C-alpha atoms as a PDB file:
ATOM      1  CA  MET A   1      -1.035  13.138 -27.307  1.00  0.00           C
ATOM      2  CA  ALA A   2      -2.889  10.636 -25.129  1.00  0.00           C
ATOM      3  CA  ASP A   3       0.255   8.496 -24.865  1.00  0.00           C
ATOM      4  CA  LYS A   4       2.259  11.480 -23.566  1.00  0.00           C
ATOM      5  CA  ASN A   5      -0.432  12.251 -20.996  1.00  0.00           C
ATOM      6  CA  GLU A   6      -0.537   8.610 -19.869  1.00  0.00           C
ATOM      7  CA  ALA A   7       3.272   8.520 -19.593  1.00  0.00           C
ATOM      8  CA  ALA A   8       3.293  11.755 -17.593  1.00  0.00           C
ATOM      9  CA  ALA A   9       0.579  10.418 -15.295  1.00  0.00           C
ATOM     10  CA  SER A  10       2.565   7.204 -14.808  1.00  0.00           C
ATOM     11  CA  VAL A  11       5.731   9.127 -13.894  1.00  0.00           C
ATOM     12  CA  ALA A  12       3.756  11.355 -11.516  1.00  0.00           C
ATOM     13  CA  SER A  13       2.191   8.260  -9.953  1.00  0.00           C
ATOM     14  CA  ASP A  14       5.624   6.629  -9.537  1.00  0.00           C
ATOM     15  CA  ASN A  15       6.959   9.807  -7.919  1.00  0.00           C
ATOM     16  CA  THR A  16       3.978   9.958  -5.560  1.00  0.00           C
ATOM     17  CA  VAL A  17       4.496   6.333  -4.524  1.00  0.00           C
ATOM     18  CA  ASP A  18       8.212   6.983  -3.971  1.00  0.00           C
ATOM     19  CA  GLU A  19       7.411  10.027  -1.811  1.00  0.00           C
ATOM     20  CA  VAL A  20       4.910   8.071   0.283  1.00  0.00           C
ATOM     21  CA  VAL A  21       7.382   5.217   0.760  1.00  0.00           C
ATOM     22  CA  GLU A  22      10.117   7.663   1.784  1.00  0.00           C
ATOM     23  CA  ARG A  23       7.814   9.318   4.330  1.00  0.00           C
ATOM     24  CA  LEU A  24       6.788   5.970   5.758  1.00  0.00           C
ATOM     25  CA  LEU A  25      10.387   4.790   6.056  1.00  0.00           C
ATOM     26  CA  ASP A  26      11.403   8.092   7.665  1.00  0.00           C
ATOM     27  CA  LYS A  27       8.536   7.703  10.146  1.00  0.00           C
ATOM     28  CA  ALA A  28       9.618   4.122  10.902  1.00  0.00           C
ATOM     29  CA  ASP A  29      13.236   5.223  11.423  1.00  0.00           C
ATOM     30  CA  ALA A  30      12.193   8.100  13.697  1.00  0.00           C
ATOM     31  CA  SER A  31       9.915   5.940  15.835  1.00  0.00           C
ATOM     32  CA  GLY A  32      12.073   2.813  15.734  1.00  0.00           C
ATOM     33  CA  ALA A  33       9.128   0.790  14.410  1.00  0.00           C
ATOM     34  CA  ALA A  34       9.737  -2.645  12.930  1.00  0.00           C
ATOM     35  CA  LEU A  35       8.793  -3.387   9.336  1.00  0.00           C
ATOM     36  CA  LEU A  36       7.046  -6.710   9.994  1.00  0.00           C
ATOM     37  CA  GLY A  37       5.161  -8.228  12.897  1.00  0.00           C
ATOM     38  CA  GLU A  38       2.566  -6.759  15.217  1.00  0.00           C
ATOM     39  CA  GLY A  39       2.583  -2.977  14.875  1.00  0.00           C
ATOM     40  CA  GLY A  40       5.134  -3.164  12.067  1.00  0.00           C
ATOM     41  CA  LEU A  41       5.108  -0.622   9.265  1.00  0.00           C
ATOM     42  CA  LEU A  42       4.254  -3.057   6.456  1.00  0.00           C
ATOM     43  CA  THR A  43       1.769  -4.924   8.610  1.00  0.00           C
ATOM     44  CA  GLU A  44      -0.126  -1.744   9.519  1.00  0.00           C
ATOM     45  CA  ASN A  45      -0.093  -0.474   5.932  1.00  0.00           C
ATOM     46  CA  THR A  46      -1.299  -3.859   4.669  1.00  0.00           C
ATOM     47  CA  LYS A  47      -4.119  -3.684   7.219  1.00  0.00           C
ATOM     48  CA  ALA A  48      -5.091  -0.148   6.152  1.00  0.00           C
ATOM     49  CA  VAL A  49      -5.089  -0.992   2.431  1.00  0.00           C
ATOM     50  CA  LEU A  50      -7.084  -4.211   2.905  1.00  0.00           C
ATOM     51  CA  GLU A  51      -9.675  -2.509   5.130  1.00  0.00           C
ATOM     52  CA  ARG A  52     -10.147   0.336   2.646  1.00  0.00           C
ATOM     53  CA  ALA A  53     -10.564  -2.185  -0.160  1.00  0.00           C
ATOM     54  CA  LEU A  54     -13.111  -4.140   1.901  1.00  0.00           C
ATOM     55  CA  GLU A  55     -15.051  -0.914   2.546  1.00  0.00           C
ATOM     56  CA  ALA A  56     -15.015  -0.219  -1.205  1.00  0.00           C
ATOM     57  CA  GLU A  57     -16.345  -3.740  -1.830  1.00  0.00           C
ATOM     58  CA  MET A  58     -19.121  -3.111   0.697  1.00  0.00           C
ATOM     59  CA  SER A  59     -20.048   0.172  -1.022  1.00  0.00           C
ATOM     60  CA  GLU A  60     -20.210  -1.654  -4.351  1.00  0.00           C
ATOM     61  CA  HIS A  61     -22.324  -4.419  -2.790  1.00  0.00           C
ATOM     62  CA  LEU A  62     -24.776  -1.981  -1.210  1.00  0.00           C
ATOM     63  CA  GLY A  63     -24.833   0.442  -4.135  1.00  0.00           C
ATOM     64  CA  TYR A  64     -23.998   3.541  -2.098  1.00  0.00           C
ATOM     65  CA  GLU A  65     -21.052   5.057  -0.228  1.00  0.00           C
ATOM     66  CA  ARG A  66     -20.699   5.217   3.560  1.00  0.00           C
ATOM     67  CA  GLY A  67     -22.709   8.159   4.898  1.00  0.00           C
ATOM     68  CA  ASP A  68     -24.663   8.606   1.648  1.00  0.00           C
ATOM     69  CA  SER A  69     -28.276   9.532   2.456  1.00  0.00           C
ATOM     70  CA  GLY A  70     -29.358   7.602  -0.635  1.00  0.00           C
ATOM     71  CA  GLY A  71     -28.777   4.424   1.357  1.00  0.00           C
ATOM     72  CA  HIS A  72     -31.570   5.175   3.864  1.00  0.00           C
ATOM     73  CA  GLY A  73     -34.489   2.831   3.316  1.00  0.00           C
ATOM     74  CA  SER A  74     -32.559   0.820   0.717  1.00  0.00           C
ATOM     75  CA  GLY A  75     -33.373  -2.500   2.367  1.00  0.00           C
ATOM     76  CA  ASN A  76     -29.794  -3.258   3.335  1.00  0.00           C
ATOM     77  CA  SER A  77     -27.156  -1.259   5.157  1.00  0.00           C
ATOM     78  CA  ARG A  78     -23.820  -1.508   6.926  1.00  0.00           C
ATOM     79  CA  ASN A  79     -23.861  -3.412  10.213  1.00  0.00           C
ATOM     80  CA  GLY A  80     -20.493  -2.861  11.848  1.00  0.00           C
ATOM     81  CA  THR A  81     -17.468  -5.086  11.422  1.00  0.00           C
ATOM     82  CA  SER A  82     -16.129  -8.459  12.499  1.00  0.00           C
ATOM     83  CA  PRO A  83     -12.484  -9.093  13.350  1.00  0.00           C
ATOM     84  CA  LYS A  84     -10.599 -11.566  11.172  1.00  0.00           C
ATOM     85  CA  THR A  85      -6.925 -12.480  11.277  1.00  0.00           C
ATOM     86  CA  VAL A  86      -5.362 -13.429   7.960  1.00  0.00           C
ATOM     87  CA  LEU A  87      -1.835 -14.461   7.066  1.00  0.00           C
ATOM     88  CA  THR A  88      -0.316 -12.177   4.448  1.00  0.00           C
ATOM     89  CA  ASP A  89       3.120 -11.679   2.963  1.00  0.00           C
ATOM     90  CA  ALA A  90       3.642  -9.033   5.669  1.00  0.00           C
ATOM     91  CA  GLY A  91       2.669 -11.423   8.485  1.00  0.00           C
ATOM     92  CA  ALA A  92      -0.517 -11.936  10.486  1.00  0.00           C
ATOM     93  CA  VAL A  93      -2.945  -9.027  10.081  1.00  0.00           C
ATOM     94  CA  THR A  94      -6.170  -8.569  12.058  1.00  0.00           C
ATOM     95  CA  LEU A  95      -8.773  -6.876   9.885  1.00  0.00           C
ATOM     96  CA  ALA A  96     -12.119  -5.250  10.627  1.00  0.00           C
ATOM     97  CA  VAL A  97     -14.279  -6.894   7.948  1.00  0.00           C
ATOM     98  CA  PRO A  98     -17.513  -4.967   7.252  1.00  0.00           C
ATOM     99  CA  ARG A  99     -20.909  -6.669   7.614  1.00  0.00           C
ATOM    100  CA  ASP A 100     -24.298  -5.862   6.136  1.00  0.00           C
ATOM    101  CA  ARG A 101     -27.701  -6.204   7.813  1.00  0.00           C
ATOM    102  CA  ASN A 102     -28.913  -8.897   5.413  1.00  0.00           C
ATOM    103  CA  GLY A 103     -25.764 -10.950   5.983  1.00  0.00           C
ATOM    104  CA  ASN A 104     -25.186 -11.572   2.291  1.00  0.00           C
ATOM    105  CA  PHE A 105     -21.977  -9.556   1.794  1.00  0.00           C
ATOM    106  CA  GLU A 106     -19.329 -11.905   0.342  1.00  0.00           C
ATOM    107  CA  PRO A 107     -15.967 -10.096   0.153  1.00  0.00           C
ATOM    108  CA  ARG A 108     -13.837 -11.099  -2.841  1.00  0.00           C
ATOM    109  CA  LEU A 109     -10.552  -9.691  -1.569  1.00  0.00           C
ATOM    110  CA  VAL A 110     -10.651 -11.608   1.718  1.00  0.00           C
ATOM    111  CA  PRO A 111     -13.221 -14.352   1.138  1.00  0.00           C
ATOM    112  CA  LYS A 112     -15.199 -15.792   4.019  1.00  0.00           C
ATOM    113  CA  ASN A 113     -13.368 -18.666   5.732  1.00  0.00           C
ATOM    114  CA  ALA A 114     -10.067 -17.750   4.050  1.00  0.00           C
ATOM    115  CA  ARG A 115      -7.208 -17.419   6.515  1.00  0.00           C
ATOM    116  CA  ARG A 116      -4.339 -16.898   4.078  1.00  0.00           C
ATOM    117  CA  LEU A 117      -4.067 -14.362   1.288  1.00  0.00           C
ATOM    118  CA  ALA A 118      -2.371 -14.846  -2.065  1.00  0.00           C
ATOM    119  CA  GLY A 119       1.343 -15.338  -1.884  1.00  0.00           C
ATOM    120  CA  PHE A 120       1.449 -17.113   1.468  1.00  0.00           C
ATOM    121  CA  ASN A 121       0.910 -20.610   0.046  1.00  0.00           C
ATOM    122  CA  ASP A 122       3.436 -19.806  -2.688  1.00  0.00           C
ATOM    123  CA  ARG A 123       6.055 -19.105  -0.019  1.00  0.00           C
ATOM    124  CA  ILE A 124       5.393 -22.443   1.689  1.00  0.00           C
ATOM    125  CA  LEU A 125       5.618 -24.235  -1.654  1.00  0.00           C
ATOM    126  CA  SER A 126       8.849 -22.540  -2.665  1.00  0.00           C
ATOM    127  CA  LEU A 127      10.458 -23.491   0.657  1.00  0.00           C
ATOM    128  CA  TYR A 128       9.242 -27.071   0.272  1.00  0.00           C
ATOM    129  CA  ALA A 129      10.460 -27.242  -3.329  1.00  0.00           C
ATOM    130  CA  ARG A 130      13.893 -26.161  -2.132  1.00  0.00           C
ATOM    131  CA  GLY A 131      13.995 -29.224   0.070  1.00  0.00           C
ATOM    132  CA  MET A 132      13.132 -27.695   3.455  1.00  0.00           C
ATOM    133  CA  SER A 133      11.421 -29.994   5.930  1.00  0.00           C
ATOM    134  CA  VAL A 134       8.064 -29.162   7.492  1.00  0.00           C
ATOM    135  CA  ARG A 135       9.897 -28.335  10.736  1.00  0.00           C
ATOM    136  CA  ASP A 136      12.273 -25.980   8.867  1.00  0.00           C
ATOM    137  CA  ILE A 137       9.353 -24.269   7.114  1.00  0.00           C
ATOM    138  CA  ARG A 138       7.510 -23.759  10.441  1.00  0.00           C
ATOM    139  CA  SER A 139      10.643 -22.305  11.991  1.00  0.00           C
ATOM    140  CA  HIS A 140      11.262 -20.030   8.987  1.00  0.00           C
ATOM    141  CA  LEU A 141       7.684 -18.689   8.982  1.00  0.00           C
ATOM    142  CA  ALA A 142       7.839 -18.049  12.741  1.00  0.00           C
ATOM    143  CA  GLN A 143      11.169 -16.272  12.429  1.00  0.00           C
ATOM    144  CA  ILE A 144      10.351 -14.145   9.366  1.00  0.00           C
ATOM    145  CA  TYR A 145       6.614 -13.462   9.815  1.00  0.00           C
ATOM    146  CA  GLY A 146       6.196 -13.992  13.553  1.00  0.00           C
ATOM    147  CA  ILE A 147       3.430 -16.551  13.024  1.00  0.00           C
ATOM    148  CA  GLU A 148       2.984 -20.116  14.134  1.00  0.00           C
ATOM    149  CA  VAL A 149       1.506 -22.502  11.593  1.00  0.00           C
ATOM    150  CA  SER A 150       0.707 -26.123  12.190  1.00  0.00           C
ATOM    151  CA  PRO A 151       2.575 -28.944  10.451  1.00  0.00           C
ATOM    152  CA  ASP A 152      -0.859 -30.032   9.230  1.00  0.00           C
ATOM    153  CA  LEU A 153      -1.358 -26.709   7.392  1.00  0.00           C
ATOM    154  CA  ILE A 154       2.006 -27.024   5.669  1.00  0.00           C
ATOM    155  CA  SER A 155       1.195 -30.599   4.667  1.00  0.00           C
ATOM    156  CA  LYS A 156      -2.204 -29.587   3.294  1.00  0.00           C
ATOM    157  CA  VAL A 157      -0.659 -26.810   1.201  1.00  0.00           C
ATOM    158  CA  THR A 158       2.063 -29.061  -0.193  1.00  0.00           C
ATOM    159  CA  ASP A 159      -0.267 -32.047  -0.716  1.00  0.00           C
ATOM    160  CA  ALA A 160      -2.592 -29.869  -2.790  1.00  0.00           C
ATOM    161  CA  VAL A 161       0.108 -29.380  -5.417  1.00  0.00           C
ATOM    162  CA  ILE A 162       2.431 -32.337  -4.883  1.00  0.00           C
ATOM    163  CA  ASP A 163       2.017 -33.520  -8.492  1.00  0.00           C
ATOM    164  CA  GLU A 164       3.111 -30.117  -9.794  1.00  0.00           C
ATOM    165  CA  LEU A 165       6.079 -30.108  -7.408  1.00  0.00           C
ATOM    166  CA  VAL A 166       7.225 -33.565  -8.527  1.00  0.00           C
ATOM    167  CA  THR A 167       6.899 -32.534 -12.182  1.00  0.00           C
ATOM    168  CA  TRP A 168       8.908 -29.362 -11.503  1.00  0.00           C
ATOM    169  CA  GLN A 169      11.600 -31.245  -9.573  1.00  0.00           C
ATOM    170  CA  ASN A 170      11.914 -33.840 -12.367  1.00  0.00           C
ATOM    171  CA  ARG A 171      11.842 -31.411 -15.307  1.00  0.00           C
ATOM    172  CA  PRO A 172      14.512 -31.997 -17.960  1.00  0.00           C
ATOM    173  CA  LEU A 173      17.604 -29.842 -17.720  1.00  0.00           C
ATOM    174  CA  ASP A 174      20.086 -28.969 -20.426  1.00  0.00           C
ATOM    175  CA  ALA A 175      23.806 -29.769 -20.003  1.00  0.00           C
ATOM    176  CA  GLY A 176      24.321 -26.483 -18.108  1.00  0.00           C
ATOM    177  CA  GLY A 177      21.643 -27.315 -15.545  1.00  0.00           C
ATOM    178  CA  LEU A 178      19.065 -24.955 -17.009  1.00  0.00           C
ATOM    179  CA  PRO A 179      15.471 -26.131 -17.670  1.00  0.00           C
ATOM    180  CA  LEU A 180      14.840 -27.106 -21.270  1.00  0.00           C
ATOM    181  CA  ILE A 181      12.175 -25.192 -23.108  1.00  0.00           C
ATOM    182  CA  VAL A 182       9.927 -27.694 -24.822  1.00  0.00           C
ATOM    183  CA  ALA A 183       7.873 -26.379 -27.720  1.00  0.00           C
ATOM    184  CA  THR A 184       4.366 -27.738 -28.008  1.00  0.00           C
ATOM    185  CA  GLN A 185       2.256 -27.743 -31.131  1.00  0.00           C
ATOM    186  CA  GLN A 186      -1.128 -26.153 -30.895  1.00  0.00           C
END
């Protein structure tokens, strides 16, 4: 019985997500909004989701929800926000990152000093692995995401995993050009 309930909940969740996506796309079509870039649909939704998640992290850190009277006199409380621009798969997003009075809040989702979120480095690496030059990668990122990145950043990202890239590029292929699967004994 539990499996049927879980399956029904999953289908309902999928339908809800589909409905939300349809409404967002209809809104974008009606307003003529772009999907990516400043003010773009995906960029704004990415911003909203990340900020809500950061607020949830802050509530977990403090031990009480925003506006909860149980937080009064707790020794630490919310202390506004700081702006932070991060590069995401949807482009550059400026977030309002919450702060606490004691200054010891360390967000896990968008760590301090991080400027790129998961997936961005992977995109640079995949472009590099396909043989694109640093100049081509910069141009591609500017065209697709509307962001300017330095050649130094691209070099740092690729240098960090150059050994893995060389191994991948030199992997053995079967006669049809497909990678061989090598079994290893454990």
